[in-house]
Amino acid sequence: MSMLVFQSDRFRPYLPDDCQVNPNVLGFELADWLSRELARRGVVTSYPNYEDWGWFLEGEQGGLDYMICCSGGDEGNGEFEWRVFVSHPKKLFGKRPDSAVGEGVLQRVRQALEESGIKITVEEDG
């Protein structure tokens, strides 16, 4: 799994920390923006959903389900660091997800971020 990491105050939360899923676990504004940007590019996802670790969008391509996962937090110096990766939901029975689908979706996310002026600082392979 690959992960995009970047710093930006563009997705700064507009509600206080005690209104978030967990303290300093952010990502709704990023996930909401991504869902609209990807829809403009022909990639349809769900509205943002949350987990303990952040927010995610659900999508489907070629019969395979995937999640675009968004998480971030205030680094303590007023800067926000964000992480985005694509994951496949675990299914008891079903075909194994093709990692090429996830990589393709992640490249579309990268393109949307870079075209809006956001520089990816790290791309990690996991």
C-alpha atoms as a PDB file:
ATOM      1  CA  MET A   1       0.000   0.000   0.000  1.00  0.00           C
ATOM      2  CA  SER A   2       1.253   3.460  -0.840  1.00  0.00           C
ATOM      3  CA  MET A   3       0.564   6.558   1.221  1.00  0.00           C
ATOM      4  CA  LEU A   4       0.705  10.226   0.251  1.00  0.00           C
ATOM      5  CA  VAL A   5       1.866  12.604   2.987  1.00  0.00           C
ATOM      6  CA  PHE A   6       1.701  16.398   2.742  1.00  0.00           C
ATOM      7  CA  GLN A   7       1.421  19.563   4.794  1.00  0.00           C
ATOM      8  CA  SER A   8      -1.335  22.090   4.174  1.00  0.00           C
ATOM      9  CA  ASP A   9      -3.600  24.390   6.148  1.00  0.00           C
ATOM     10  CA  ARG A  10      -6.190  24.175   3.350  1.00  0.00           C
ATOM     11  CA  PHE A  11      -8.107  21.385   5.117  1.00  0.00           C
ATOM     12  CA  ARG A  12      -7.939  22.945   8.568  1.00  0.00           C
ATOM     13  CA  PRO A  13     -11.077  21.896  10.492  1.00  0.00           C
ATOM     14  CA  TYR A  14     -13.722  24.537  10.937  1.00  0.00           C
ATOM     15  CA  LEU A  15     -15.128  22.930  14.108  1.00  0.00           C
ATOM     16  CA  PRO A  16     -13.167  22.745  17.392  1.00  0.00           C
ATOM     17  CA  ASP A  17     -11.201  19.655  18.368  1.00  0.00           C
ATOM     18  CA  ASP A  18     -13.837  18.415  20.841  1.00  0.00           C
ATOM     19  CA  CYS A  19     -16.268  18.077  17.906  1.00  0.00           C
ATOM     20  CA  GLN A  20     -13.936  15.708  16.034  1.00  0.00           C
ATOM     21  CA  VAL A  21     -14.136  11.899  16.002  1.00  0.00           C
ATOM     22  CA  ASN A  22     -11.135  11.716  18.345  1.00  0.00           C
ATOM     23  CA  PRO A  23      -8.806  14.425  19.662  1.00  0.00           C
ATOM     24  CA  ASN A  24      -6.534  15.734  16.899  1.00  0.00           C
ATOM     25  CA  VAL A  25      -7.798  13.068  14.454  1.00  0.00           C
ATOM     26  CA  LEU A  26      -8.874  15.124  11.496  1.00  0.00           C
ATOM     27  CA  GLY A  27      -9.723  14.530   7.878  1.00  0.00           C
ATOM     28  CA  PHE A  28     -13.370  15.369   7.174  1.00  0.00           C
ATOM     29  CA  GLU A  29     -12.571  18.544   5.232  1.00  0.00           C
ATOM     30  CA  LEU A  30      -9.930  16.706   3.181  1.00  0.00           C
ATOM     31  CA  ALA A  31     -12.258  13.755   2.467  1.00  0.00           C
ATOM     32  CA  ASP A  32     -15.122  16.088   1.542  1.00  0.00           C
ATOM     33  CA  TRP A  33     -12.895  18.078  -0.834  1.00  0.00           C
ATOM     34  CA  LEU A  34     -11.516  14.869  -2.381  1.00  0.00           C
ATOM     35  CA  SER A  35     -14.987  13.436  -3.001  1.00  0.00           C
ATOM     36  CA  ARG A  36     -15.951  16.568  -4.958  1.00  0.00           C
ATOM     37  CA  GLU A  37     -12.636  16.835  -6.837  1.00  0.00           C
ATOM     38  CA  LEU A  38     -12.670  13.167  -7.815  1.00  0.00           C
ATOM     39  CA  ALA A  39     -16.326  13.387  -8.919  1.00  0.00           C
ATOM     40  CA  ARG A  40     -15.327  16.249 -11.243  1.00  0.00           C
ATOM     41  CA  ARG A  41     -12.751  13.848 -12.719  1.00  0.00           C
ATOM     42  CA  GLY A  42     -15.213  10.986 -13.185  1.00  0.00           C
ATOM     43  CA  VAL A  43     -14.348   9.016 -10.017  1.00  0.00           C
ATOM     44  CA  VAL A  44     -17.530   8.600  -7.971  1.00  0.00           C
ATOM     45  CA  THR A  45     -17.185   7.903  -4.246  1.00  0.00           C
ATOM     46  CA  SER A  46     -19.409   7.965  -1.191  1.00  0.00           C
ATOM     47  CA  TYR A  47     -19.836  10.896   1.115  1.00  0.00           C
ATOM     48  CA  PRO A  48     -17.201  10.914   3.896  1.00  0.00           C
ATOM     49  CA  ASN A  49     -17.543   8.313   6.645  1.00  0.00           C
ATOM     50  CA  TYR A  50     -15.491   8.135   9.847  1.00  0.00           C
ATOM     51  CA  GLU A  51     -13.458   5.648  11.856  1.00  0.00           C
ATOM     52  CA  ASP A  52     -11.375   6.114  15.005  1.00  0.00           C
ATOM     53  CA  TRP A  53      -8.292   6.963  12.903  1.00  0.00           C
ATOM     54  CA  GLY A  54      -9.877   9.476  10.488  1.00  0.00           C
ATOM     55  CA  TRP A  55     -12.229   9.670   7.517  1.00  0.00           C
ATOM     56  CA  PHE A  56     -12.743   7.601   4.383  1.00  0.00           C
ATOM     57  CA  LEU A  57     -14.564   7.532   1.058  1.00  0.00           C
ATOM     58  CA  GLU A  58     -15.891   4.304  -0.415  1.00  0.00           C
ATOM     59  CA  GLY A  59     -15.679   3.533  -4.101  1.00  0.00           C
ATOM     60  CA  GLU A  60     -15.897   0.696  -6.590  1.00  0.00           C
ATOM     61  CA  GLN A  61     -14.012   0.015  -9.784  1.00  0.00           C
ATOM     62  CA  GLY A  62     -14.226  -3.083 -11.934  1.00  0.00           C
ATOM     63  CA  GLY A  63     -16.230  -4.932  -9.290  1.00  0.00           C
ATOM     64  CA  LEU A  64     -13.647  -4.218  -6.571  1.00  0.00           C
ATOM     65  CA  ASP A  65     -14.475  -2.113  -3.522  1.00  0.00           C
ATOM     66  CA  TYR A  66     -11.917   0.304  -2.128  1.00  0.00           C
ATOM     67  CA  MET A  67     -11.633   3.029   0.496  1.00  0.00           C
ATOM     68  CA  ILE A  68      -9.745   6.310   0.160  1.00  0.00           C
ATOM     69  CA  CYS A  69      -8.522   6.921   3.710  1.00  0.00           C
ATOM     70  CA  CYS A  70      -7.777  10.444   4.962  1.00  0.00           C
ATOM     71  CA  SER A  71      -6.227  11.307   8.290  1.00  0.00           C
ATOM     72  CA  GLY A  72      -4.333  14.220   9.683  1.00  0.00           C
ATOM     73  CA  GLY A  73      -3.582  16.319  12.671  1.00  0.00           C
ATOM     74  CA  ASP A  74      -2.135  19.541  13.962  1.00  0.00           C
ATOM     75  CA  GLU A  75       1.601  19.036  14.354  1.00  0.00           C
ATOM     76  CA  GLY A  76       1.607  21.429  17.310  1.00  0.00           C
ATOM     77  CA  ASN A  77       3.250  24.316  15.480  1.00  0.00           C
ATOM     78  CA  GLY A  78       0.130  25.411  13.592  1.00  0.00           C
ATOM     79  CA  GLU A  79       0.961  23.178  10.620  1.00  0.00           C
ATOM     80  CA  PHE A  80      -1.275  20.326   9.601  1.00  0.00           C
ATOM     81  CA  GLU A  81       0.089  17.064   8.209  1.00  0.00           C
ATOM     82  CA  TRP A  82      -2.203  14.846   6.143  1.00  0.00           C
ATOM     83  CA  ARG A  83      -2.019  11.219   5.025  1.00  0.00           C
ATOM     84  CA  VAL A  84      -4.031   9.624   2.221  1.00  0.00           C
ATOM     85  CA  PHE A  85      -3.963   5.981   1.201  1.00  0.00           C
ATOM     86  CA  VAL A  86      -6.222   3.511  -0.578  1.00  0.00           C
ATOM     87  CA  SER A  87      -7.309   0.347   1.178  1.00  0.00           C
ATOM     88  CA  HIS A  88      -9.532  -2.559   0.226  1.00  0.00           C
ATOM     89  CA  PRO A  89     -12.213  -3.654   2.702  1.00  0.00           C
ATOM     90  CA  LYS A  90     -11.609  -7.110   4.110  1.00  0.00           C
ATOM     91  CA  LYS A  91     -14.137  -9.674   2.931  1.00  0.00           C
ATOM     92  CA  LEU A  92     -14.505 -13.190   4.209  1.00  0.00           C
ATOM     93  CA  PHE A  93     -15.342 -14.560   0.782  1.00  0.00           C
ATOM     94  CA  GLY A  94     -14.529 -12.799  -2.442  1.00  0.00           C
ATOM     95  CA  LYS A  95     -11.706 -12.218  -4.807  1.00  0.00           C
ATOM     96  CA  ARG A  96      -8.490 -10.680  -3.608  1.00  0.00           C
ATOM     97  CA  PRO A  97      -8.322  -6.979  -4.502  1.00  0.00           C
ATOM     98  CA  ASP A  98      -6.064  -5.964  -7.341  1.00  0.00           C
ATOM     99  CA  SER A  99      -3.496  -3.511  -5.982  1.00  0.00           C
ATOM    100  CA  ALA A 100      -3.413  -1.848  -9.418  1.00  0.00           C
ATOM    101  CA  VAL A 101      -6.925  -0.517  -8.751  1.00  0.00           C
ATOM    102  CA  GLY A 102      -5.771   1.111  -5.509  1.00  0.00           C
ATOM    103  CA  GLU A 103      -2.633   2.520  -7.107  1.00  0.00           C
ATOM    104  CA  GLY A 104      -4.684   3.982  -9.971  1.00  0.00           C
ATOM    105  CA  VAL A 105      -7.102   5.650  -7.562  1.00  0.00           C
ATOM    106  CA  LEU A 106      -4.210   6.990  -5.483  1.00  0.00           C
ATOM    107  CA  GLN A 107      -2.643   8.502  -8.602  1.00  0.00           C
ATOM    108  CA  ARG A 108      -5.929  10.298  -9.312  1.00  0.00           C
ATOM    109  CA  VAL A 109      -5.848  11.637  -5.741  1.00  0.00           C
ATOM    110  CA  ARG A 110      -2.228  12.764  -6.248  1.00  0.00           C
ATOM    111  CA  GLN A 111      -3.194  14.530  -9.471  1.00  0.00           C
ATOM    112  CA  ALA A 112      -6.101  16.350  -7.792  1.00  0.00           C
ATOM    113  CA  LEU A 113      -3.888  17.501  -4.929  1.00  0.00           C
ATOM    114  CA  GLU A 114      -1.025  18.625  -7.152  1.00  0.00           C
ATOM    115  CA  GLU A 115      -3.322  20.464  -9.576  1.00  0.00           C
ATOM    116  CA  SER A 116      -4.679  22.425  -6.609  1.00  0.00           C
ATOM    117  CA  GLY A 117      -1.155  23.486  -5.657  1.00  0.00           C
ATOM    118  CA  ILE A 118      -0.449  20.962  -2.903  1.00  0.00           C
ATOM    119  CA  LYS A 119       3.021  19.413  -2.917  1.00  0.00           C
ATOM    120  CA  ILE A 120       3.302  15.790  -1.805  1.00  0.00           C
ATOM    121  CA  THR A 121       6.242  15.671   0.594  1.00  0.00           C
ATOM    122  CA  VAL A 122       6.455  11.897   1.034  1.00  0.00           C
ATOM    123  CA  GLU A 123       5.140   8.912  -0.857  1.00  0.00           C
ATOM    124  CA  GLU A 124       5.616   5.840   1.295  1.00  0.00           C
ATOM    125  CA  ASP A 125       5.302   2.254   0.140  1.00  0.00           C
ATOM    126  CA  GLY A 126       4.022  -0.099   2.767  1.00  0.00           C
END
